[in-house]
PDB file of N, CA and C in Angstrom:
ATOM      1  N   UNK A   1       0.842  -1.174   0.000  1.00  0.00           N
ATOM      2  CA  UNK A   1       0.000   0.000   0.000  1.00  0.00           C
ATOM      3  C   UNK A   1       0.889   1.239   0.000  1.00  0.00           C
ATOM      4  N   UNK A   2       0.528   2.204  -0.809  1.00  0.00           N
ATOM      5  CA  UNK A   2       1.308   3.422  -0.950  1.00  0.00           C
ATOM      6  C   UNK A   2       0.604   4.582  -0.240  1.00  0.00           C
ATOM      7  N   UNK A   3       1.364   5.281   0.592  1.00  0.00           N
ATOM      8  CA  UNK A   3       0.811   6.430   1.300  1.00  0.00           C
ATOM      9  C   UNK A   3       1.443   7.699   0.751  1.00  0.00           C
ATOM     10  N   UNK A   4       0.654   8.521   0.084  1.00  0.00           N
ATOM     11  CA  UNK A   4       1.157   9.784  -0.452  1.00  0.00           C
ATOM     12  C   UNK A   4       0.976  10.925   0.534  1.00  0.00           C
ATOM     13  N   UNK A   5      -0.024  10.783   1.418  1.00  0.00           N
ATOM     14  CA  UNK A   5      -0.358  11.860   2.342  1.00  0.00           C
ATOM     15  C   UNK A   5      -0.437  11.350   3.774  1.00  0.00           C
ATOM     16  N   UNK A   6      -0.246  12.274   4.698  1.00  0.00           N
ATOM     17  CA  UNK A   6      -0.388  11.990   6.123  1.00  0.00           C
ATOM     18  C   UNK A   6      -1.230  13.087   6.751  1.00  0.00           C
ATOM     19  N   UNK A   7      -1.777  12.765   7.909  1.00  0.00           N
ATOM     20  CA  UNK A   7      -2.468  13.776   8.716  1.00  0.00           C
ATOM     21  C   UNK A   7      -1.600  14.026   9.938  1.00  0.00           C
ATOM     22  N   UNK A   8      -1.326  15.285  10.203  1.00  0.00           N
ATOM     23  CA  UNK A   8      -0.621  15.681  11.418  1.00  0.00           C
ATOM     24  C   UNK A   8      -1.644  16.042  12.481  1.00  0.00           C
ATOM     25  N   UNK A   9      -1.399  15.592  13.700  1.00  0.00           N
ATOM     26  CA  UNK A   9      -2.160  15.984  14.880  1.00  0.00           C
ATOM     27  C   UNK A   9      -1.145  16.544  15.872  1.00  0.00           C
ATOM     28  N   UNK A  10      -1.330  17.789  16.273  1.00  0.00           N
ATOM     29  CA  UNK A  10      -0.374  18.454  17.156  1.00  0.00           C
ATOM     30  C   UNK A  10      -1.134  19.000  18.357  1.00  0.00           C
ATOM     31  N   UNK A  11      -0.745  18.582  19.569  1.00  0.00           N
ATOM     32  CA  UNK A  11      -1.335  19.141  20.782  1.00  0.00           C
ATOM     33  C   UNK A  11      -0.566  20.403  21.124  1.00  0.00           C
ATOM     34  N   UNK A  12      -1.319  21.512  21.323  1.00  0.00           N
ATOM     35  CA  UNK A  12      -0.685  22.817  21.443  1.00  0.00           C
ATOM     36  C   UNK A  12      -1.606  23.777  22.199  1.00  0.00           C
ATOM     37  N   UNK A  13      -1.041  24.698  22.990  1.00  0.00           N
ATOM     38  CA  UNK A  13      -1.889  25.722  23.616  1.00  0.00           C
ATOM     39  C   UNK A  13      -2.560  26.583  22.537  1.00  0.00           C
ATOM     40  N   UNK A  14      -3.798  26.991  22.787  1.00  0.00           N
ATOM     41  CA  UNK A  14      -4.563  27.716  21.771  1.00  0.00           C
ATOM     42  C   UNK A  14      -3.854  28.970  21.265  1.00  0.00           C
ATOM     43  N   UNK A  15      -3.171  29.692  22.134  1.00  0.00           N
ATOM     44  CA  UNK A  15      -2.528  30.940  21.717  1.00  0.00           C
ATOM     45  C   UNK A  15      -1.354  30.718  20.758  1.00  0.00           C
ATOM     46  N   UNK A  16      -0.924  29.487  20.570  1.00  0.00           N
ATOM     47  CA  UNK A  16       0.166  29.180  19.647  1.00  0.00           C
ATOM     48  C   UNK A  16      -0.331  28.672  18.292  1.00  0.00           C
ATOM     49  N   UNK A  17      -1.638  28.480  18.147  1.00  0.00           N
ATOM     50  CA  UNK A  17      -2.168  27.948  16.887  1.00  0.00           C
ATOM     51  C   UNK A  17      -1.914  28.898  15.724  1.00  0.00           C
ATOM     52  N   UNK A  18      -2.278  30.154  15.865  1.00  0.00           N
ATOM     53  CA  UNK A  18      -2.133  31.103  14.752  1.00  0.00           C
ATOM     54  C   UNK A  18      -0.662  31.292  14.361  1.00  0.00           C
ATOM     55  N   UNK A  19       0.262  31.495  15.318  1.00  0.00           N
ATOM     56  CA  UNK A  19       1.668  31.609  14.897  1.00  0.00           C
ATOM     57  C   UNK A  19       2.190  30.355  14.185  1.00  0.00           C
ATOM     58  N   UNK A  20       1.842  29.164  14.677  1.00  0.00           N
ATOM     59  CA  UNK A  20       2.272  27.942  14.004  1.00  0.00           C
ATOM     60  C   UNK A  20       1.594  27.817  12.647  1.00  0.00           C
ATOM     61  N   UNK A  21       0.313  28.110  12.597  1.00  0.00           N
ATOM     62  CA  UNK A  21      -0.416  28.068  11.317  1.00  0.00           C
ATOM     63  C   UNK A  21       0.260  28.965  10.282  1.00  0.00           C
ATOM     64  N   UNK A  22       0.613  30.179  10.693  1.00  0.00           N
ATOM     65  CA  UNK A  22       1.232  31.121   9.759  1.00  0.00           C
ATOM     66  C   UNK A  22       2.589  30.623   9.262  1.00  0.00           C
ATOM     67  N   UNK A  23       3.392  30.020  10.144  1.00  0.00           N
ATOM     68  CA  UNK A  23       4.694  29.488   9.737  1.00  0.00           C
ATOM     69  C   UNK A  23       4.524  28.304   8.780  1.00  0.00           C
ATOM     70  N   UNK A  24       3.577  27.415   9.074  1.00  0.00           N
ATOM     71  CA  UNK A  24       3.314  26.284   8.176  1.00  0.00           C
ATOM     72  C   UNK A  24       2.819  26.781   6.824  1.00  0.00           C
ATOM     73  N   UNK A  25       1.972  27.807   6.835  1.00  0.00           N
ATOM     74  CA  UNK A  25       1.424  28.322   5.591  1.00  0.00           C
ATOM     75  C   UNK A  25       2.507  28.986   4.737  1.00  0.00           C
ATOM     76  N   UNK A  26       3.472  29.660   5.385  1.00  0.00           N
ATOM     77  CA  UNK A  26       4.580  30.275   4.630  1.00  0.00           C
ATOM     78  C   UNK A  26       5.351  29.236   3.830  1.00  0.00           C
ATOM     79  N   UNK A  27       5.415  28.014   4.349  1.00  0.00           N
ATOM     80  CA  UNK A  27       6.120  26.923   3.672  1.00  0.00           C
ATOM     81  C   UNK A  27       5.199  26.141   2.741  1.00  0.00           C
ATOM     82  N   UNK A  28       3.979  26.651   2.548  1.00  0.00           N
ATOM     83  CA  UNK A  28       2.973  26.038   1.667  1.00  0.00           C
ATOM     84  C   UNK A  28       2.547  24.642   2.115  1.00  0.00           C
ATOM     85  N   UNK A  29       2.652  24.391   3.415  1.00  0.00           N
ATOM     86  CA  UNK A  29       2.200  23.115   3.973  1.00  0.00           C
ATOM     87  C   UNK A  29       0.675  23.064   4.004  1.00  0.00           C
ATOM     88  N   UNK A  30       0.034  24.191   4.235  1.00  0.00           N
ATOM     89  CA  UNK A  30      -1.413  24.219   4.457  1.00  0.00           C
ATOM     90  C   UNK A  30      -2.199  24.587   3.199  1.00  0.00           C
ATOM     91  N   UNK A  31      -1.642  24.292   2.029  1.00  0.00           N
ATOM     92  CA  UNK A  31      -2.324  24.565   0.774  1.00  0.00           C
ATOM     93  C   UNK A  31      -2.988  23.290   0.271  1.00  0.00           C
ATOM     94  N   UNK A  32      -4.286  23.412  -0.019  1.00  0.00           N
ATOM     95  CA  UNK A  32      -5.057  22.308  -0.583  1.00  0.00           C
ATOM     96  C   UNK A  32      -5.805  22.877  -1.784  1.00  0.00           C
ATOM     97  N   UNK A  33      -5.405  22.438  -2.975  1.00  0.00           N
ATOM     98  CA  UNK A  33      -6.028  22.980  -4.186  1.00  0.00           C
ATOM     99  C   UNK A  33      -5.819  24.481  -4.267  1.00  0.00           C
ATOM    100  N   UNK A  34      -6.898  25.220  -4.377  1.00  0.00           N
ATOM    101  CA  UNK A  34      -6.850  26.676  -4.483  1.00  0.00           C
ATOM    102  C   UNK A  34      -7.122  27.367  -3.154  1.00  0.00           C
ATOM    103  N   UNK A  35      -6.812  26.695  -2.049  1.00  0.00           N
ATOM    104  CA  UNK A  35      -7.005  27.254  -0.704  1.00  0.00           C
ATOM    105  C   UNK A  35      -5.704  27.132   0.072  1.00  0.00           C
ATOM    106  N   UNK A  36      -5.462  28.110   0.952  1.00  0.00           N
ATOM    107  CA  UNK A  36      -4.355  27.958   1.883  1.00  0.00           C
ATOM    108  C   UNK A  36      -4.864  28.182   3.303  1.00  0.00           C
ATOM    109  N   UNK A  37      -3.988  28.086   4.283  1.00  0.00           N
ATOM    110  CA  UNK A  37      -4.363  28.157   5.704  1.00  0.00           C
ATOM    111  C   UNK A  37      -5.374  27.070   6.073  1.00  0.00           C
ATOM    112  N   UNK A  38      -5.319  25.903   5.408  1.00  0.00           N
ATOM    113  CA  UNK A  38      -6.284  24.832   5.635  1.00  0.00           C
ATOM    114  C   UNK A  38      -5.833  24.006   6.841  1.00  0.00           C
ATOM    115  N   UNK A  39      -6.484  24.269   7.971  1.00  0.00           N
ATOM    116  CA  UNK A  39      -6.165  23.598   9.227  1.00  0.00           C
ATOM    117  C   UNK A  39      -7.415  23.612  10.094  1.00  0.00           C
ATOM    118  N   UNK A  40      -7.554  22.636  10.949  1.00  0.00           N
ATOM    119  CA  UNK A  40      -8.663  22.651  11.900  1.00  0.00           C
ATOM    120  C   UNK A  40      -8.108  22.360  13.283  1.00  0.00           C
ATOM    121  N   UNK A  41      -8.890  22.692  14.304  1.00  0.00           N
ATOM    122  CA  UNK A  41      -8.478  22.354  15.661  1.00  0.00           C
ATOM    123  C   UNK A  41      -9.699  22.111  16.526  1.00  0.00           C
ATOM    124  N   UNK A  42      -9.488  21.325  17.551  1.00  0.00           N
ATOM    125  CA  UNK A  42     -10.516  21.069  18.547  1.00  0.00           C
ATOM    126  C   UNK A  42      -9.907  21.300  19.921  1.00  0.00           C
ATOM    127  N   UNK A  43     -10.736  21.720  20.845  1.00  0.00           N
ATOM    128  CA  UNK A  43     -10.282  21.891  22.215  1.00  0.00           C
ATOM    129  C   UNK A  43     -10.309  20.536  22.904  1.00  0.00           C
ATOM    130  N   UNK A  44      -9.318  20.284  23.732  1.00  0.00           N
ATOM    131  CA  UNK A  44      -9.226  19.018  24.432  1.00  0.00           C
ATOM    132  C   UNK A  44      -8.669  19.261  25.831  1.00  0.00           C
ATOM    133  N   UNK A  45      -8.759  18.282  26.668  1.00  0.00           N
ATOM    134  CA  UNK A  45      -8.227  18.367  28.027  1.00  0.00           C
ATOM    135  C   UNK A  45      -7.285  17.197  28.250  1.00  0.00           C
ATOM    136  N   UNK A  46      -6.303  17.393  29.099  1.00  0.00           N
ATOM    137  CA  UNK A  46      -5.353  16.319  29.318  1.00  0.00           C
ATOM    138  C   UNK A  46      -4.677  16.399  30.672  1.00  0.00           C
ATOM    139  N   UNK A  47      -3.973  15.330  30.996  1.00  0.00           N
ATOM    140  CA  UNK A  47      -3.174  15.224  32.218  1.00  0.00           C
ATOM    141  C   UNK A  47      -1.716  15.047  31.832  1.00  0.00           C
ATOM    142  N   UNK A  48      -0.805  15.488  32.674  1.00  0.00           N
ATOM    143  CA  UNK A  48       0.623  15.257  32.507  1.00  0.00           C
ATOM    144  C   UNK A  48       1.302  15.497  33.852  1.00  0.00           C
ATOM    145  N   UNK A  49       2.468  14.892  34.011  1.00  0.00           N
ATOM    146  CA  UNK A  49       3.259  15.118  35.219  1.00  0.00           C
ATOM    147  C   UNK A  49       4.697  15.410  34.806  1.00  0.00           C
ATOM    148  N   UNK A  50       5.142  16.639  35.000  1.00  0.00           N
ATOM    149  CA  UNK A  50       6.541  16.957  34.705  1.00  0.00           C
ATOM    150  C   UNK A  50       7.463  16.213  35.674  1.00  0.00           C
ATOM    151  N   UNK A  51       8.418  15.482  35.150  1.00  0.00           N
ATOM    152  CA  UNK A  51       9.376  14.766  35.986  1.00  0.00           C
ATOM    153  C   UNK A  51      10.513  15.705  36.399  1.00  0.00           C
ATOM    154  N   UNK A  52      11.373  15.226  37.271  1.00  0.00           N
ATOM    155  CA  UNK A  52      12.382  16.073  37.912  1.00  0.00           C
ATOM    156  C   UNK A  52      13.273  16.836  36.929  1.00  0.00           C
ATOM    157  N   UNK A  53      13.701  16.214  35.849  1.00  0.00           N
ATOM    158  CA  UNK A  53      14.621  16.863  34.910  1.00  0.00           C
ATOM    159  C   UNK A  53      13.911  17.743  33.881  1.00  0.00           C
ATOM    160  N   UNK A  54      12.598  17.877  33.978  1.00  0.00           N
ATOM    161  CA  UNK A  54      11.840  18.635  32.979  1.00  0.00           C
ATOM    162  C   UNK A  54      11.916  20.139  33.219  1.00  0.00           C
ATOM    163  N   UNK A  55      11.560  20.876  32.174  1.00  0.00           N
ATOM    164  CA  UNK A  55      11.386  22.335  32.226  1.00  0.00           C
ATOM    165  C   UNK A  55       9.958  22.589  31.749  1.00  0.00           C
ATOM    166  N   UNK A  56       8.958  22.389  32.611  1.00  0.00           N
ATOM    167  CA  UNK A  56       7.561  22.404  32.150  1.00  0.00           C
ATOM    168  C   UNK A  56       7.066  23.769  31.684  1.00  0.00           C
ATOM    169  N   UNK A  57       6.304  23.737  30.601  1.00  0.00           N
ATOM    170  CA  UNK A  57       5.594  24.919  30.112  1.00  0.00           C
ATOM    171  C   UNK A  57       4.481  25.264  31.094  1.00  0.00           C
ATOM    172  N   UNK A  58       3.831  24.230  31.622  1.00  0.00           N
ATOM    173  CA  UNK A  58       2.748  24.401  32.593  1.00  0.00           C
ATOM    174  C   UNK A  58       2.822  23.258  33.597  1.00  0.00           C
ATOM    175  N   UNK A  59       2.406  23.523  34.810  1.00  0.00           N
ATOM    176  CA  UNK A  59       2.425  22.508  35.856  1.00  0.00           C
ATOM    177  C   UNK A  59       3.695  22.591  36.689  1.00  0.00           C
ATOM    178  N   UNK A  60       3.711  21.813  37.775  1.00  0.00           N
ATOM    179  CA  UNK A  60       4.853  21.767  38.677  1.00  0.00           C
ATOM    180  C   UNK A  60       5.519  20.404  38.600  1.00  0.00           C
ATOM    181  N   UNK A  61       6.825  20.399  38.770  1.00  0.00           N
ATOM    182  CA  UNK A  61       7.564  19.142  38.731  1.00  0.00           C
ATOM    183  C   UNK A  61       7.024  18.162  39.768  1.00  0.00           C
ATOM    184  N   UNK A  62       6.899  16.915  39.356  1.00  0.00           N
ATOM    185  CA  UNK A  62       6.472  15.792  40.195  1.00  0.00           C
ATOM    186  C   UNK A  62       5.031  15.877  40.686  1.00  0.00           C
ATOM    187  N   UNK A  63       4.214  16.738  40.089  1.00  0.00           N
ATOM    188  CA  UNK A  63       2.797  16.820  40.434  1.00  0.00           C
ATOM    189  C   UNK A  63       1.972  16.628  39.165  1.00  0.00           C
ATOM    190  N   UNK A  64       0.933  15.813  39.256  1.00  0.00           N
ATOM    191  CA  UNK A  64       0.056  15.608  38.110  1.00  0.00           C
ATOM    192  C   UNK A  64      -0.721  16.899  37.868  1.00  0.00           C
ATOM    193  N   UNK A  65      -0.675  17.364  36.637  1.00  0.00           N
ATOM    194  CA  UNK A  65      -1.370  18.589  36.246  1.00  0.00           C
ATOM    195  C   UNK A  65      -2.518  18.228  35.302  1.00  0.00           C
ATOM    196  N   UNK A  66      -3.481  19.130  35.217  1.00  0.00           N
ATOM    197  CA  UNK A  66      -4.640  18.964  34.346  1.00  0.00           C
ATOM    198  C   UNK A  66      -4.883  20.292  33.664  1.00  0.00           C
ATOM    199  N   UNK A  67      -5.212  20.254  32.375  1.00  0.00           N
ATOM    200  CA  UNK A  67      -5.493  21.514  31.697  1.00  0.00           C
ATOM    201  C   UNK A  67      -6.069  21.323  30.318  1.00  0.00           C
ATOM    202  N   UNK A  68      -6.343  22.457  29.701  1.00  0.00           N
ATOM    203  CA  UNK A  68      -6.893  22.493  28.349  1.00  0.00           C
ATOM    204  C   UNK A  68      -5.790  22.806  27.352  1.00  0.00           C
ATOM    205  N   UNK A  69      -5.932  22.244  26.173  1.00  0.00           N
ATOM    206  CA  UNK A  69      -5.067  22.564  25.052  1.00  0.00           C
ATOM    207  C   UNK A  69      -5.882  22.285  23.797  1.00  0.00           C
ATOM    208  N   UNK A  70      -5.268  22.391  22.659  1.00  0.00           N
ATOM    209  CA  UNK A  70      -5.976  22.147  21.409  1.00  0.00           C
ATOM    210  C   UNK A  70      -5.244  21.088  20.594  1.00  0.00           C
ATOM    211  N   UNK A  71      -6.010  20.374  19.785  1.00  0.00           N
ATOM    212  CA  UNK A  71      -5.420  19.438  18.823  1.00  0.00           C
ATOM    213  C   UNK A  71      -5.584  20.065  17.449  1.00  0.00           C
ATOM    214  N   UNK A  72      -4.457  20.428  16.856  1.00  0.00           N
ATOM    215  CA  UNK A  72      -4.410  21.047  15.540  1.00  0.00           C
ATOM    216  C   UNK A  72      -4.210  19.934  14.515  1.00  0.00           C
ATOM    217  N   UNK A  73      -4.988  19.942  13.422  1.00  0.00           N
ATOM    218  CA  UNK A  73      -4.911  18.877  12.419  1.00  0.00           C
ATOM    219  C   UNK A  73      -4.785  19.460  11.018  1.00  0.00           C
ATOM    220  N   UNK A  74      -3.929  18.828  10.215  1.00  0.00           N
ATOM    221  CA  UNK A  74      -3.787  19.242   8.819  1.00  0.00           C
ATOM    222  C   UNK A  74      -3.190  18.102   8.011  1.00  0.00           C
ATOM    223  N   UNK A  75      -3.390  18.175   6.699  1.00  0.00           N
ATOM    224  CA  UNK A  75      -2.914  17.149   5.765  1.00  0.00           C
ATOM    225  C   UNK A  75      -1.627  17.639   5.106  1.00  0.00           C
ATOM    226  N   UNK A  76      -0.729  16.696   4.818  1.00  0.00           N
ATOM    227  CA  UNK A  76       0.531  17.047   4.166  1.00  0.00           C
ATOM    228  C   UNK A  76       1.020  15.891   3.311  1.00  0.00           C
ATOM    229  N   UNK A  77       1.943  16.208   2.445  1.00  0.00           N
ATOM    230  CA  UNK A  77       2.627  15.189   1.655  1.00  0.00           C
ATOM    231  C   UNK A  77       3.507  14.341   2.569  1.00  0.00           C
ATOM    232  N   UNK A  78       3.512  13.048   2.344  1.00  0.00           N
ATOM    233  CA  UNK A  78       4.343  12.112   3.103  1.00  0.00           C
ATOM    234  C   UNK A  78       5.817  12.521   3.048  1.00  0.00           C
ATOM    235  N   UNK A  79       6.250  13.053   1.918  1.00  0.00           N
ATOM    236  CA  UNK A  79       7.653  13.412   1.702  1.00  0.00           C
ATOM    237  C   UNK A  79       8.130  14.558   2.602  1.00  0.00           C
ATOM    238  N   UNK A  80       7.209  15.308   3.191  1.00  0.00           N
ATOM    239  CA  UNK A  80       7.590  16.503   3.965  1.00  0.00           C
ATOM    240  C   UNK A  80       7.548  16.282   5.479  1.00  0.00           C
ATOM    241  N   UNK A  81       7.385  15.047   5.930  1.00  0.00           N
ATOM    242  CA  UNK A  81       7.211  14.771   7.360  1.00  0.00           C
ATOM    243  C   UNK A  81       8.329  15.372   8.204  1.00  0.00           C
ATOM    244  N   UNK A  82       9.567  15.081   7.903  1.00  0.00           N
ATOM    245  CA  UNK A  82      10.687  15.550   8.733  1.00  0.00           C
ATOM    246  C   UNK A  82      10.768  17.072   8.761  1.00  0.00           C
ATOM    247  N   UNK A  83      10.601  17.701   7.610  1.00  0.00           N
ATOM    248  CA  UNK A  83      10.623  19.168   7.519  1.00  0.00           C
ATOM    249  C   UNK A  83       9.542  19.781   8.413  1.00  0.00           C
ATOM    250  N   UNK A  84       8.359  19.203   8.373  1.00  0.00           N
ATOM    251  CA  UNK A  84       7.235  19.732   9.153  1.00  0.00           C
ATOM    252  C   UNK A  84       7.453  19.502  10.643  1.00  0.00           C
ATOM    253  N   UNK A  85       7.942  18.342  11.021  1.00  0.00           N
ATOM    254  CA  UNK A  85       8.227  18.085  12.445  1.00  0.00           C
ATOM    255  C   UNK A  85       9.234  19.101  12.967  1.00  0.00           C
ATOM    256  N   UNK A  86      10.284  19.374  12.203  1.00  0.00           N
ATOM    257  CA  UNK A  86      11.271  20.372  12.622  1.00  0.00           C
ATOM    258  C   UNK A  86      10.636  21.754  12.779  1.00  0.00           C
ATOM    259  N   UNK A  87       9.783  22.137  11.846  1.00  0.00           N
ATOM    260  CA  UNK A  87       9.110  23.437  11.905  1.00  0.00           C
ATOM    261  C   UNK A  87       8.192  23.530  13.128  1.00  0.00           C
ATOM    262  N   UNK A  88       7.472  22.454  13.420  1.00  0.00           N
ATOM    263  CA  UNK A  88       6.604  22.431  14.598  1.00  0.00           C
ATOM    264  C   UNK A  88       7.430  22.603  15.870  1.00  0.00           C
ATOM    265  N   UNK A  89       8.515  21.849  15.983  1.00  0.00           N
ATOM    266  CA  UNK A  89       9.346  21.924  17.197  1.00  0.00           C
ATOM    267  C   UNK A  89       9.923  23.320  17.414  1.00  0.00           C
ATOM    268  N   UNK A  90      10.292  24.006  16.354  1.00  0.00           N
ATOM    269  CA  UNK A  90      10.834  25.367  16.466  1.00  0.00           C
ATOM    270  C   UNK A  90       9.769  26.339  16.974  1.00  0.00           C
ATOM    271  N   UNK A  91       8.510  26.128  16.604  1.00  0.00           N
ATOM    272  CA  UNK A  91       7.434  27.071  16.905  1.00  0.00           C
ATOM    273  C   UNK A  91       6.511  26.623  18.029  1.00  0.00           C
ATOM    274  N   UNK A  92       6.858  25.576  18.740  1.00  0.00           N
ATOM    275  CA  UNK A  92       6.007  24.993  19.777  1.00  0.00           C
ATOM    276  C   UNK A  92       6.594  25.290  21.156  1.00  0.00           C
ATOM    277  N   UNK A  93       5.756  25.619  22.156  1.00  0.00           N
ATOM    278  CA  UNK A  93       6.297  25.976  23.469  1.00  0.00           C
ATOM    279  C   UNK A  93       6.683  24.789  24.359  1.00  0.00           C
ATOM    280  N   UNK A  94       6.212  23.592  24.059  1.00  0.00           N
ATOM    281  CA  UNK A  94       6.485  22.449  24.920  1.00  0.00           C
ATOM    282  C   UNK A  94       7.890  21.891  24.664  1.00  0.00           C
ATOM    283  N   UNK A  95       8.505  21.393  25.722  1.00  0.00           N
ATOM    284  CA  UNK A  95       9.786  20.693  25.593  1.00  0.00           C
ATOM    285  C   UNK A  95       9.657  19.479  24.691  1.00  0.00           C
ATOM    286  N   UNK A  96       8.584  18.736  24.898  1.00  0.00           N
ATOM    287  CA  UNK A  96       8.328  17.494  24.159  1.00  0.00           C
ATOM    288  C   UNK A  96       6.939  17.580  23.520  1.00  0.00           C
ATOM    289  N   UNK A  97       6.807  18.269  22.380  1.00  0.00           N
ATOM    290  CA  UNK A  97       5.482  18.379  21.778  1.00  0.00           C
ATOM    291  C   UNK A  97       4.943  17.019  21.342  1.00  0.00           C
ATOM    292  N   UNK A  98       3.657  16.830  21.512  1.00  0.00           N
ATOM    293  CA  UNK A  98       2.993  15.607  21.034  1.00  0.00           C
ATOM    294  C   UNK A  98       2.629  15.847  19.567  1.00  0.00           C
ATOM    295  N   UNK A  99       3.266  15.084  18.697  1.00  0.00           N
ATOM    296  CA  UNK A  99       3.043  15.191  17.253  1.00  0.00           C
ATOM    297  C   UNK A  99       2.726  13.794  16.741  1.00  0.00           C
ATOM    298  N   UNK A 100       1.500  13.597  16.311  1.00  0.00           N
ATOM    299  CA  UNK A 100       1.099  12.319  15.712  1.00  0.00           C
ATOM    300  C   UNK A 100       1.064  12.491  14.195  1.00  0.00           C
ATOM    301  N   UNK A 101       1.624  11.520  13.488  1.00  0.00           N
ATOM    302  CA  UNK A 101       1.606  11.525  12.026  1.00  0.00           C
ATOM    303  C   UNK A 101       0.895  10.240  11.605  1.00  0.00           C
ATOM    304  N   UNK A 102      -0.247  10.401  10.952  1.00  0.00           N
ATOM    305  CA  UNK A 102      -1.116   9.280  10.596  1.00  0.00           C
ATOM    306  C   UNK A 102      -1.160   9.134   9.071  1.00  0.00           C
ATOM    307  N   UNK A 103      -0.785   7.961   8.542  1.00  0.00           N
ATOM    308  CA  UNK A 103      -0.860   7.756   7.086  1.00  0.00           C
ATOM    309  C   UNK A 103      -2.313   7.801   6.618  1.00  0.00           C
ATOM    310  N   UNK A 104      -2.520   8.410   5.457  1.00  0.00           N
ATOM    311  CA  UNK A 104      -3.856   8.491   4.875  1.00  0.00           C
ATOM    312  C   UNK A 104      -3.917   7.640   3.604  1.00  0.00           C
ATOM    313  N   UNK A 105      -4.977   6.897   3.463  1.00  0.00           N
ATOM    314  CA  UNK A 105      -5.205   6.110   2.250  1.00  0.00           C
ATOM    315  C   UNK A 105      -6.056   6.974   1.325  1.00  0.00           C
ATOM    316  N   UNK A 106      -5.504   7.301   0.161  1.00  0.00           N
ATOM    317  CA  UNK A 106      -6.247   8.157  -0.768  1.00  0.00           C
ATOM    318  C   UNK A 106      -6.372   7.506  -2.118  1.00  0.00           C
TER     319      UNK A 106
END
């Protein structure tokens, strides 16, 4: 089976969506046909516990934290995965951003 496209899912604080969206769009990642800035997001809630060696964006070390964030989703060419992951990491506030890359059957 050949996968030409993937879906990216990125967990990110809401205030970082527009800056990341704009950086992805500058690289023409978010272009679909005759449209650009093609991205969606949903609000979600989650738990995490920063361990001792962490530098947490939110929460306290060694305490379970709970909060809201967003899941940003967009489609991309399979060939651009590494480039996009690097771009996300540069523009993301978390030490360890959650980035899921899901193959799409088209």
